[in-house]
mmCIF file of all heavy atoms, coordinates in Angstrom:
data_MODEL
# 
_entry.id   MODEL 
# 
loop_
_atom_site.group_PDB 
_atom_site.id 
_atom_site.type_symbol 
_atom_site.label_atom_id 
_atom_site.label_alt_id 
_atom_site.label_comp_id 
_atom_site.label_asym_id 
_atom_site.label_entity_id 
_atom_site.label_seq_id 
_atom_site.pdbx_PDB_ins_code 
_atom_site.Cartn_x 
_atom_site.Cartn_y 
_atom_site.Cartn_z 
_atom_site.occupancy 
_atom_site.B_iso_or_equiv 
_atom_site.pdbx_formal_charge 
_atom_site.auth_seq_id 
_atom_site.auth_comp_id 
_atom_site.auth_asym_id 
_atom_site.auth_atom_id 
_atom_site.pdbx_PDB_model_num 
ATOM 1   N N   . SER A 1 1  ? 0.833  -1.206 0.000   1.00 0.00 ? 1  SER A N   1 
ATOM 2   C CA  . SER A 1 1  ? 0.000  0.000  0.000   1.00 0.00 ? 1  SER A CA  1 
ATOM 3   C C   . SER A 1 1  ? 0.866  1.253  0.000   1.00 0.00 ? 1  SER A C   1 
ATOM 4   O O   . SER A 1 1  ? 0.521  2.270  -0.628  1.00 0.00 ? 1  SER A O   1 
ATOM 5   C CB  . SER A 1 1  ? -0.926 -0.010 1.217   1.00 0.00 ? 1  SER A CB  1 
ATOM 6   O OG  . SER A 1 1  ? -0.164 -0.088 2.420   1.00 0.00 ? 1  SER A OG  1 
ATOM 7   N N   . THR A 1 2  ? 2.007  1.186  0.683   1.00 0.00 ? 2  THR A N   1 
ATOM 8   C CA  . THR A 1 2  ? 2.925  2.335  0.711   1.00 0.00 ? 2  THR A CA  1 
ATOM 9   C C   . THR A 1 2  ? 3.490  2.607  -0.674  1.00 0.00 ? 2  THR A C   1 
ATOM 10  O O   . THR A 1 2  ? 3.576  3.759  -1.125  1.00 0.00 ? 2  THR A O   1 
ATOM 11  C CB  . THR A 1 2  ? 4.072  2.080  1.698   1.00 0.00 ? 2  THR A CB  1 
ATOM 12  O OG1 . THR A 1 2  ? 3.532  1.848  3.011   1.00 0.00 ? 2  THR A OG1 1 
ATOM 13  C CG2 . THR A 1 2  ? 5.016  3.276  1.751   1.00 0.00 ? 2  THR A CG2 1 
ATOM 14  N N   . GLN A 1 3  ? 3.888  1.544  -1.384  1.00 0.00 ? 3  GLN A N   1 
ATOM 15  C CA  . GLN A 1 3  ? 4.432  1.710  -2.730  1.00 0.00 ? 3  GLN A CA  1 
ATOM 16  C C   . GLN A 1 3  ? 3.383  2.261  -3.686  1.00 0.00 ? 3  GLN A C   1 
ATOM 17  O O   . GLN A 1 3  ? 3.671  3.123  -4.521  1.00 0.00 ? 3  GLN A O   1 
ATOM 18  C CB  . GLN A 1 3  ? 4.962  0.375  -3.242  1.00 0.00 ? 3  GLN A CB  1 
ATOM 19  C CG  . GLN A 1 3  ? 6.252  -0.087 -2.564  1.00 0.00 ? 3  GLN A CG  1 
ATOM 20  C CD  . GLN A 1 3  ? 6.660  -1.473 -3.020  1.00 0.00 ? 3  GLN A CD  1 
ATOM 21  O OE1 . GLN A 1 3  ? 5.818  -2.365 -3.176  1.00 0.00 ? 3  GLN A OE1 1 
ATOM 22  N NE2 . GLN A 1 3  ? 7.951  -1.659 -3.221  1.00 0.00 ? 3  GLN A NE2 1 
ATOM 23  N N   . LYS A 1 4  ? 2.153  1.751  -3.572  1.00 0.00 ? 4  LYS A N   1 
ATOM 24  C CA  . LYS A 1 4  ? 1.075  2.255  -4.435  1.00 0.00 ? 4  LYS A CA  1 
ATOM 25  C C   . LYS A 1 4  ? 0.828  3.739  -4.194  1.00 0.00 ? 4  LYS A C   1 
ATOM 26  O O   . LYS A 1 4  ? 0.629  4.513  -5.135  1.00 0.00 ? 4  LYS A O   1 
ATOM 27  C CB  . LYS A 1 4  ? -0.202 1.459  -4.194  1.00 0.00 ? 4  LYS A CB  1 
ATOM 28  C CG  . LYS A 1 4  ? -0.134 0.019  -4.670  1.00 0.00 ? 4  LYS A CG  1 
ATOM 29  C CD  . LYS A 1 4  ? -1.431 -0.708 -4.387  1.00 0.00 ? 4  LYS A CD  1 
ATOM 30  C CE  . LYS A 1 4  ? -1.372 -2.162 -4.850  1.00 0.00 ? 4  LYS A CE  1 
ATOM 31  N NZ  . LYS A 1 4  ? -2.627 -2.893 -4.548  1.00 0.00 ? 4  LYS A NZ  1 
ATOM 32  N N   . GLN A 1 5  ? 0.841  4.137  -2.919  1.00 0.00 ? 5  GLN A N   1 
ATOM 33  C CA  . GLN A 1 5  ? 0.618  5.539  -2.599  1.00 0.00 ? 5  GLN A CA  1 
ATOM 34  C C   . GLN A 1 5  ? 1.753  6.409  -3.136  1.00 0.00 ? 5  GLN A C   1 
ATOM 35  O O   . GLN A 1 5  ? 1.524  7.491  -3.690  1.00 0.00 ? 5  GLN A O   1 
ATOM 36  C CB  . GLN A 1 5  ? 0.490  5.707  -1.071  1.00 0.00 ? 5  GLN A CB  1 
ATOM 37  C CG  . GLN A 1 5  ? 0.239  7.133  -0.619  1.00 0.00 ? 5  GLN A CG  1 
ATOM 38  C CD  . GLN A 1 5  ? -1.080 7.683  -1.120  1.00 0.00 ? 5  GLN A CD  1 
ATOM 39  O OE1 . GLN A 1 5  ? -2.010 6.929  -1.404  1.00 0.00 ? 5  GLN A OE1 1 
ATOM 40  N NE2 . GLN A 1 5  ? -1.170 9.007  -1.235  1.00 0.00 ? 5  GLN A NE2 1 
ATOM 41  N N   . GLU A 1 6  ? 2.990  5.918  -2.989  1.00 0.00 ? 6  GLU A N   1 
ATOM 42  C CA  . GLU A 1 6  ? 4.151  6.681  -3.475  1.00 0.00 ? 6  GLU A CA  1 
ATOM 43  C C   . GLU A 1 6  ? 4.113  6.812  -5.002  1.00 0.00 ? 6  GLU A C   1 
ATOM 44  O O   . GLU A 1 6  ? 4.396  7.882  -5.548  1.00 0.00 ? 6  GLU A O   1 
ATOM 45  C CB  . GLU A 1 6  ? 5.441  5.983  -3.036  1.00 0.00 ? 6  GLU A CB  1 
ATOM 46  C CG  . GLU A 1 6  ? 6.696  6.775  -3.365  1.00 0.00 ? 6  GLU A CG  1 
ATOM 47  C CD  . GLU A 1 6  ? 7.946  6.082  -2.865  1.00 0.00 ? 6  GLU A CD  1 
ATOM 48  O OE1 . GLU A 1 6  ? 7.822  5.035  -2.190  1.00 0.00 ? 6  GLU A OE1 1 
ATOM 49  O OE2 . GLU A 1 6  ? 9.052  6.580  -3.153  1.00 0.00 ? 6  GLU A OE2 1 
ATOM 50  N N   . MET A 1 7  ? 3.758  5.731  -5.673  1.00 0.00 ? 7  MET A N   1 
ATOM 51  C CA  . MET A 1 7  ? 3.677  5.779  -7.135  1.00 0.00 ? 7  MET A CA  1 
ATOM 52  C C   . MET A 1 7  ? 2.590  6.767  -7.576  1.00 0.00 ? 7  MET A C   1 
ATOM 53  O O   . MET A 1 7  ? 2.772  7.524  -8.535  1.00 0.00 ? 7  MET A O   1 
ATOM 54  C CB  . MET A 1 7  ? 3.382  4.388  -7.689  1.00 0.00 ? 7  MET A CB  1 
ATOM 55  C CG  . MET A 1 7  ? 3.427  4.309  -9.214  1.00 0.00 ? 7  MET A CG  1 
ATOM 56  S SD  . MET A 1 7  ? 3.169  2.635  -9.845  1.00 0.00 ? 7  MET A SD  1 
ATOM 57  C CE  . MET A 1 7  ? 1.422  2.445  -9.488  1.00 0.00 ? 7  MET A CE  1 
ATOM 58  N N   . LYS A 1 8  ? 1.474  6.766  -6.887  1.00 0.00 ? 8  LYS A N   1 
ATOM 59  C CA  . LYS A 1 8  ? 0.387  7.690  -7.210  1.00 0.00 ? 8  LYS A CA  1 
ATOM 60  C C   . LYS A 1 8  ? 0.829  9.141  -7.031  1.00 0.00 ? 8  LYS A C   1 
ATOM 61  O O   . LYS A 1 8  ? 0.515  10.006 -7.862  1.00 0.00 ? 8  LYS A O   1 
ATOM 62  C CB  . LYS A 1 8  ? -0.822 7.397  -6.322  1.00 0.00 ? 8  LYS A CB  1 
ATOM 63  C CG  . LYS A 1 8  ? -2.007 8.311  -6.590  1.00 0.00 ? 8  LYS A CG  1 
ATOM 64  C CD  . LYS A 1 8  ? -3.166 7.979  -5.670  1.00 0.00 ? 8  LYS A CD  1 
ATOM 65  C CE  . LYS A 1 8  ? -4.332 8.937  -5.903  1.00 0.00 ? 8  LYS A CE  1 
ATOM 66  N NZ  . LYS A 1 8  ? -5.468 8.667  -4.974  1.00 0.00 ? 8  LYS A NZ  1 
ATOM 67  N N   . GLN A 1 9  ? 1.591  9.422  -5.967  1.00 0.00 ? 9  GLN A N   1 
ATOM 68  C CA  . GLN A 1 9  ? 2.063  10.786 -5.727  1.00 0.00 ? 9  GLN A CA  1 
ATOM 69  C C   . GLN A 1 9  ? 2.992  11.256 -6.849  1.00 0.00 ? 9  GLN A C   1 
ATOM 70  O O   . GLN A 1 9  ? 2.888  12.386 -7.330  1.00 0.00 ? 9  GLN A O   1 
ATOM 71  C CB  . GLN A 1 9  ? 2.772  10.856 -4.373  1.00 0.00 ? 9  GLN A CB  1 
ATOM 72  C CG  . GLN A 1 9  ? 1.835  10.709 -3.185  1.00 0.00 ? 9  GLN A CG  1 
ATOM 73  C CD  . GLN A 1 9  ? 2.581  10.638 -1.861  1.00 0.00 ? 9  GLN A CD  1 
ATOM 74  O OE1 . GLN A 1 9  ? 3.808  10.557 -1.827  1.00 0.00 ? 9  GLN A OE1 1 
ATOM 75  N NE2 . GLN A 1 9  ? 1.845  10.650 -0.765  1.00 0.00 ? 9  GLN A NE2 1 
ATOM 76  N N   . HIS A 1 10 ? 3.923  10.371 -7.260  1.00 0.00 ? 10 HIS A N   1 
ATOM 77  C CA  . HIS A 1 10 ? 4.834  10.738 -8.349  1.00 0.00 ? 10 HIS A CA  1 
ATOM 78  C C   . HIS A 1 10 ? 4.062  10.970 -9.644  1.00 0.00 ? 10 HIS A C   1 
ATOM 79  O O   . HIS A 1 10 ? 4.352  11.912 -10.392 1.00 0.00 ? 10 HIS A O   1 
ATOM 80  C CB  . HIS A 1 10 ? 5.880  9.638  -8.563  1.00 0.00 ? 10 HIS A CB  1 
ATOM 81  C CG  . HIS A 1 10 ? 6.944  9.602  -7.509  1.00 0.00 ? 10 HIS A CG  1 
ATOM 82  N ND1 . HIS A 1 10 ? 7.733  10.692 -7.216  1.00 0.00 ? 10 HIS A ND1 1 
ATOM 83  C CD2 . HIS A 1 10 ? 7.357  8.600  -6.683  1.00 0.00 ? 10 HIS A CD2 1 
ATOM 84  C CE1 . HIS A 1 10 ? 8.596  10.361 -6.255  1.00 0.00 ? 10 HIS A CE1 1 
ATOM 85  N NE2 . HIS A 1 10 ? 8.372  9.105  -5.915  1.00 0.00 ? 10 HIS A NE2 1 
ATOM 86  N N   . TYR A 1 11 ? 3.073  10.124 -9.916  1.00 0.00 ? 11 TYR A N   1 
ATOM 87  C CA  . TYR A 1 11 ? 2.287  10.262 -11.142 1.00 0.00 ? 11 TYR A CA  1 
ATOM 88  C C   . TYR A 1 11 ? 1.509  11.582 -11.148 1.00 0.00 ? 11 TYR A C   1 
ATOM 89  O O   . TYR A 1 11 ? 1.491  12.298 -12.148 1.00 0.00 ? 11 TYR A O   1 
ATOM 90  C CB  . TYR A 1 11 ? 1.319  9.081  -11.277 1.00 0.00 ? 11 TYR A CB  1 
ATOM 91  C CG  . TYR A 1 11 ? 0.357  9.232  -12.423 1.00 0.00 ? 11 TYR A CG  1 
ATOM 92  C CD1 . TYR A 1 11 ? 0.762  8.988  -13.735 1.00 0.00 ? 11 TYR A CD1 1 
ATOM 93  C CD2 . TYR A 1 11 ? -0.952 9.653  -12.198 1.00 0.00 ? 11 TYR A CD2 1 
ATOM 94  C CE1 . TYR A 1 11 ? -0.122 9.144  -14.794 1.00 0.00 ? 11 TYR A CE1 1 
ATOM 95  C CE2 . TYR A 1 11 ? -1.834 9.815  -13.246 1.00 0.00 ? 11 TYR A CE2 1 
ATOM 96  C CZ  . TYR A 1 11 ? -1.417 9.553  -14.543 1.00 0.00 ? 11 TYR A CZ  1 
ATOM 97  O OH  . TYR A 1 11 ? -2.290 9.723  -15.583 1.00 0.00 ? 11 TYR A OH  1 
ATOM 98  N N   . GLU A 1 12 ? 0.877  11.904 -10.036 1.00 0.00 ? 12 GLU A N   1 
ATOM 99  C CA  . GLU A 1 12 ? 0.093  13.140 -9.976  1.00 0.00 ? 12 GLU A CA  1 
ATOM 100 C C   . GLU A 1 12 ? 0.997  14.366 -10.083 1.00 0.00 ? 12 GLU A C   1 
ATOM 101 O O   . GLU A 1 12 ? 0.648  15.349 -10.755 1.00 0.00 ? 12 GLU A O   1 
ATOM 102 C CB  . GLU A 1 12 ? -0.711 13.179 -8.678  1.00 0.00 ? 12 GLU A CB  1 
ATOM 103 C CG  . GLU A 1 12 ? -1.828 12.134 -8.638  1.00 0.00 ? 12 GLU A CG  1 
ATOM 104 C CD  . GLU A 1 12 ? -2.556 12.135 -7.310  1.00 0.00 ? 12 GLU A CD  1 
ATOM 105 O OE1 . GLU A 1 12 ? -2.053 12.765 -6.351  1.00 0.00 ? 12 GLU A OE1 1 
ATOM 106 O OE2 . GLU A 1 12 ? -3.631 11.496 -7.226  1.00 0.00 ? 12 GLU A OE2 1 
ATOM 107 N N   . LYS A 1 13 ? 2.155  14.318 -9.448  1.00 0.00 ? 13 LYS A N   1 
ATOM 108 C CA  . LYS A 1 13 ? 3.096  15.441 -9.537  1.00 0.00 ? 13 LYS A CA  1 
ATOM 109 C C   . LYS A 1 13 ? 3.602  15.605 -10.968 1.00 0.00 ? 13 LYS A C   1 
ATOM 110 O O   . LYS A 1 13 ? 3.730  16.723 -11.476 1.00 0.00 ? 13 LYS A O   1 
ATOM 111 C CB  . LYS A 1 13 ? 4.262  15.215 -8.578  1.00 0.00 ? 13 LYS A CB  1 
ATOM 112 C CG  . LYS A 1 13 ? 5.218  16.391 -8.491  1.00 0.00 ? 13 LYS A CG  1 
ATOM 113 C CD  . LYS A 1 13 ? 6.283  16.158 -7.430  1.00 0.00 ? 13 LYS A CD  1 
ATOM 114 C CE  . LYS A 1 13 ? 7.219  17.360 -7.334  1.00 0.00 ? 13 LYS A CE  1 
ATOM 115 N NZ  . LYS A 1 13 ? 8.275  17.140 -6.303  1.00 0.00 ? 13 LYS A NZ  1 
ATOM 116 N N   . ALA A 1 14 ? 3.888  14.483 -11.632 1.00 0.00 ? 14 ALA A N   1 
ATOM 117 C CA  . ALA A 1 14 ? 4.353  14.533 -13.023 1.00 0.00 ? 14 ALA A CA  1 
ATOM 118 C C   . ALA A 1 14 ? 3.278  15.116 -13.931 1.00 0.00 ? 14 ALA A C   1 
ATOM 119 O O   . ALA A 1 14 ? 3.566  15.928 -14.815 1.00 0.00 ? 14 ALA A O   1 
ATOM 120 C CB  . ALA A 1 14 ? 4.731  13.130 -13.492 1.00 0.00 ? 14 ALA A CB  1 
ATOM 121 N N   . THR A 1 15 ? 2.028  14.721 -13.717 1.00 0.00 ? 15 THR A N   1 
ATOM 122 C CA  . THR A 1 15 ? 0.941  15.204 -14.562 1.00 0.00 ? 15 THR A CA  1 
ATOM 123 C C   . THR A 1 15 ? 0.729  16.709 -14.390 1.00 0.00 ? 15 THR A C   1 
ATOM 124 O O   . THR A 1 15 ? 0.478  17.430 -15.358 1.00 0.00 ? 15 THR A O   1 
ATOM 125 C CB  . THR A 1 15 ? -0.353 14.445 -14.243 1.00 0.00 ? 15 THR A CB  1 
ATOM 126 O OG1 . THR A 1 15 ? -0.124 13.031 -14.427 1.00 0.00 ? 15 THR A OG1 1 
ATOM 127 C CG2 . THR A 1 15 ? -1.483 14.879 -15.157 1.00 0.00 ? 15 THR A CG2 1 
ATOM 128 N N   . ARG A 1 16 ? 0.838  17.191 -13.161 1.00 0.00 ? 16 ARG A N   1 
ATOM 129 C CA  . ARG A 1 16 ? 0.706  18.645 -12.936 1.00 0.00 ? 16 ARG A CA  1 
ATOM 130 C C   . ARG A 1 16 ? 1.831  19.397 -13.644 1.00 0.00 ? 16 ARG A C   1 
ATOM 131 O O   . ARG A 1 16 ? 1.609  20.448 -14.251 1.00 0.00 ? 16 ARG A O   1 
ATOM 132 C CB  . ARG A 1 16 ? 0.712  18.944 -11.438 1.00 0.00 ? 16 ARG A CB  1 
ATOM 133 C CG  . ARG A 1 16 ? -0.561 18.513 -10.711 1.00 0.00 ? 16 ARG A CG  1 
ATOM 134 C CD  . ARG A 1 16 ? -0.641 19.125 -9.323  1.00 0.00 ? 16 ARG A CD  1 
ATOM 135 N NE  . ARG A 1 16 ? 0.443  18.665 -8.467  1.00 0.00 ? 16 ARG A NE  1 
ATOM 136 C CZ  . ARG A 1 16 ? 0.366  17.599 -7.683  1.00 0.00 ? 16 ARG A CZ  1 
ATOM 137 N NH1 . ARG A 1 16 ? -0.740 16.874 -7.655  1.00 0.00 ? 16 ARG A NH1 1 
ATOM 138 N NH2 . ARG A 1 16 ? 1.389  17.243 -6.912  1.00 0.00 ? 16 ARG A NH2 1 
ATOM 139 N N   . ALA A 1 17 ? 3.064  18.866 -13.548 1.00 0.00 ? 17 ALA A N   1 
ATOM 140 C CA  . ALA A 1 17 ? 4.191  19.505 -14.233 1.00 0.00 ? 17 ALA A CA  1 
ATOM 141 C C   . ALA A 1 17 ? 3.982  19.480 -15.744 1.00 0.00 ? 17 ALA A C   1 
ATOM 142 O O   . ALA A 1 17 ? 4.273  20.450 -16.449 1.00 0.00 ? 17 ALA A O   1 
ATOM 143 C CB  . ALA A 1 17 ? 5.495  18.798 -13.859 1.00 0.00 ? 17 ALA A CB  1 
ATOM 144 N N   . TYR A 1 18 ? 3.470  18.384 -16.253 1.00 0.00 ? 18 TYR A N   1 
ATOM 145 C CA  . TYR A 1 18 ? 3.196  18.252 -17.691 1.00 0.00 ? 18 TYR A CA  1 
ATOM 146 C C   . TYR A 1 18 ? 2.166  19.288 -18.138 1.00 0.00 ? 18 TYR A C   1 
ATOM 147 O O   . TYR A 1 18 ? 2.304  19.896 -19.197 1.00 0.00 ? 18 TYR A O   1 
ATOM 148 C CB  . TYR A 1 18 ? 2.695  16.834 -17.968 1.00 0.00 ? 18 TYR A CB  1 
ATOM 149 C CG  . TYR A 1 18 ? 2.472  16.491 -19.412 1.00 0.00 ? 18 TYR A CG  1 
ATOM 150 C CD1 . TYR A 1 18 ? 3.451  15.848 -20.159 1.00 0.00 ? 18 TYR A CD1 1 
ATOM 151 C CD2 . TYR A 1 18 ? 1.271  16.787 -20.040 1.00 0.00 ? 18 TYR A CD2 1 
ATOM 152 C CE1 . TYR A 1 18 ? 3.237  15.510 -21.490 1.00 0.00 ? 18 TYR A CE1 1 
ATOM 153 C CE2 . TYR A 1 18 ? 1.037  16.459 -21.368 1.00 0.00 ? 18 TYR A CE2 1 
ATOM 154 C CZ  . TYR A 1 18 ? 2.019  15.816 -22.088 1.00 0.00 ? 18 TYR A CZ  1 
ATOM 155 O OH  . TYR A 1 18 ? 1.809  15.495 -23.404 1.00 0.00 ? 18 TYR A OH  1 
ATOM 156 N N   . ASP A 1 19 ? 1.141  19.497 -17.320 1.00 0.00 ? 19 ASP A N   1 
ATOM 157 C CA  . ASP A 1 19 ? 0.077  20.430 -17.685 1.00 0.00 ? 19 ASP A CA  1 
ATOM 158 C C   . ASP A 1 19 ? 0.579  21.863 -17.818 1.00 0.00 ? 19 ASP A C   1 
ATOM 159 O O   . ASP A 1 19 ? 0.043  22.640 -18.616 1.00 0.00 ? 19 ASP A O   1 
ATOM 160 C CB  . ASP A 1 19 ? -1.051 20.369 -16.648 1.00 0.00 ? 19 ASP A CB  1 
ATOM 161 C CG  . ASP A 1 19 ? -1.823 19.058 -16.718 1.00 0.00 ? 19 ASP A CG  1 
ATOM 162 O OD1 . ASP A 1 19 ? -1.743 18.382 -17.765 1.00 0.00 ? 19 ASP A OD1 1 
ATOM 163 O OD2 . ASP A 1 19 ? -2.486 18.705 -15.727 1.00 0.00 ? 19 ASP A OD2 1 
ATOM 164 N N   . VAL A 1 20 ? 1.595  22.239 -17.033 1.00 0.00 ? 20 VAL A N   1 
ATOM 165 C CA  . VAL A 1 20 ? 2.129  23.614 -17.096 1.00 0.00 ? 20 VAL A CA  1 
ATOM 166 C C   . VAL A 1 20 ? 3.426  23.672 -17.898 1.00 0.00 ? 20 VAL A C   1 
ATOM 167 O O   . VAL A 1 20 ? 4.204  24.605 -17.778 1.00 0.00 ? 20 VAL A O   1 
ATOM 168 C CB  . VAL A 1 20 ? 2.341  24.181 -15.681 1.00 0.00 ? 20 VAL A CB  1 
ATOM 169 C CG1 . VAL A 1 20 ? 1.021  24.321 -14.957 1.00 0.00 ? 20 VAL A CG1 1 
ATOM 170 C CG2 . VAL A 1 20 ? 3.308  23.315 -14.876 1.00 0.00 ? 20 VAL A CG2 1 
ATOM 171 N N   . GLN A 1 21 ? 3.675  22.628 -18.713 1.00 0.00 ? 21 GLN A N   1 
ATOM 172 C CA  . GLN A 1 21 ? 4.794  22.581 -19.657 1.00 0.00 ? 21 GLN A CA  1 
ATOM 173 C C   . GLN A 1 21 ? 6.166  22.561 -18.976 1.00 0.00 ? 21 GLN A C   1 
ATOM 174 O O   . GLN A 1 21 ? 7.161  22.966 -19.554 1.00 0.00 ? 21 GLN A O   1 
ATOM 175 C CB  . GLN A 1 21 ? 4.713  23.759 -20.631 1.00 0.00 ? 21 GLN A CB  1 
ATOM 176 C CG  . GLN A 1 21 ? 3.437  23.768 -21.459 1.00 0.00 ? 21 GLN A CG  1 
ATOM 177 C CD  . GLN A 1 21 ? 3.380  24.906 -22.455 1.00 0.00 ? 21 GLN A CD  1 
ATOM 178 O OE1 . GLN A 1 21 ? 4.333  25.659 -22.608 1.00 0.00 ? 21 GLN A OE1 1 
ATOM 179 N NE2 . GLN A 1 21 ? 2.266  25.028 -23.143 1.00 0.00 ? 21 GLN A NE2 1 
ATOM 180 N N   . LYS A 1 22 ? 6.215  22.041 -17.743 1.00 0.00 ? 22 LYS A N   1 
ATOM 181 C CA  . LYS A 1 22 ? 7.507  21.809 -17.089 1.00 0.00 ? 22 LYS A CA  1 
ATOM 182 C C   . LYS A 1 22 ? 7.917  20.360 -17.398 1.00 0.00 ? 22 LYS A C   1 
ATOM 183 O O   . LYS A 1 22 ? 7.854  19.460 -16.564 1.00 0.00 ? 22 LYS A O   1 
ATOM 184 C CB  . LYS A 1 22 ? 7.398  22.029 -15.583 1.00 0.00 ? 22 LYS A CB  1 
ATOM 185 C CG  . LYS A 1 22 ? 7.121  23.482 -15.205 1.00 0.00 ? 22 LYS A CG  1 
ATOM 186 C CD  . LYS A 1 22 ? 7.081  23.656 -13.691 1.00 0.00 ? 22 LYS A CD  1 
ATOM 187 C CE  . LYS A 1 22 ? 6.859  25.112 -13.310 1.00 0.00 ? 22 LYS A CE  1 
ATOM 188 N NZ  . LYS A 1 22 ? 6.821  25.301 -11.822 1.00 0.00 ? 22 LYS A NZ  1 
ATOM 189 N N   . TYR A 1 23 ? 8.315  20.146 -18.655 1.00 0.00 ? 23 TYR A N   1 
ATOM 190 C CA  . TYR A 1 23 ? 8.483  18.788 -19.149 1.00 0.00 ? 23 TYR A CA  1 
ATOM 191 C C   . TYR A 1 23 ? 9.672  18.063 -18.517 1.00 0.00 ? 23 TYR A C   1 
ATOM 192 O O   . TYR A 1 23 ? 9.626  16.848 -18.331 1.00 0.00 ? 23 TYR A O   1 
ATOM 193 C CB  . TYR A 1 23 ? 8.614  18.814 -20.668 1.00 0.00 ? 23 TYR A CB  1 
ATOM 194 C CG  . TYR A 1 23 ? 7.400  19.379 -21.351 1.00 0.00 ? 23 TYR A CG  1 
ATOM 195 C CD1 . TYR A 1 23 ? 7.485  20.522 -22.145 1.00 0.00 ? 23 TYR A CD1 1 
ATOM 196 C CD2 . TYR A 1 23 ? 6.157  18.789 -21.195 1.00 0.00 ? 23 TYR A CD2 1 
ATOM 197 C CE1 . TYR A 1 23 ? 6.360  21.049 -22.764 1.00 0.00 ? 23 TYR A CE1 1 
ATOM 198 C CE2 . TYR A 1 23 ? 5.019  19.301 -21.803 1.00 0.00 ? 23 TYR A CE2 1 
ATOM 199 C CZ  . TYR A 1 23 ? 5.129  20.444 -22.587 1.00 0.00 ? 23 TYR A CZ  1 
ATOM 200 O OH  . TYR A 1 23 ? 4.021  20.963 -23.189 1.00 0.00 ? 23 TYR A OH  1 
ATOM 201 N N   . ALA A 1 24 ? 10.739 18.784 -18.198 1.00 0.00 ? 24 ALA A N   1 
ATOM 202 C CA  . ALA A 1 24 ? 11.889 18.133 -17.566 1.00 0.00 ? 24 ALA A CA  1 
ATOM 203 C C   . ALA A 1 24 ? 11.496 17.562 -16.201 1.00 0.00 ? 24 ALA A C   1 
ATOM 204 O O   . ALA A 1 24 ? 11.882 16.443 -15.838 1.00 0.00 ? 24 ALA A O   1 
ATOM 205 C CB  . ALA A 1 24 ? 13.044 19.127 -17.415 1.00 0.00 ? 24 ALA A CB  1 
ATOM 206 N N   . GLU A 1 25 ? 10.705 18.314 -15.439 1.00 0.00 ? 25 GLU A N   1 
ATOM 207 C CA  . GLU A 1 25 ? 10.223 17.835 -14.141 1.00 0.00 ? 25 GLU A CA  1 
ATOM 208 C C   . GLU A 1 25 ? 9.265  16.661 -14.324 1.00 0.00 ? 25 GLU A C   1 
ATOM 209 O O   . GLU A 1 25 ? 9.290  15.689 -13.552 1.00 0.00 ? 25 GLU A O   1 
ATOM 210 C CB  . GLU A 1 25 ? 9.534  18.976 -13.395 1.00 0.00 ? 25 GLU A CB  1 
ATOM 211 C CG  . GLU A 1 25 ? 9.041  18.598 -12.006 1.00 0.00 ? 25 GLU A CG  1 
ATOM 212 C CD  . GLU A 1 25 ? 8.402  19.767 -11.279 1.00 0.00 ? 25 GLU A CD  1 
ATOM 213 O OE1 . GLU A 1 25 ? 8.664  20.925 -11.673 1.00 0.00 ? 25 GLU A OE1 1 
ATOM 214 O OE2 . GLU A 1 25 ? 7.647  19.527 -10.316 1.00 0.00 ? 25 GLU A OE2 1 
# 
């Protein structure tokens, strides 16, 4: 459950960065 939560956090953070064109992040 900890790994799933951590993976979800990274995915959501990546998607927010993608939406504002911070592609390297």
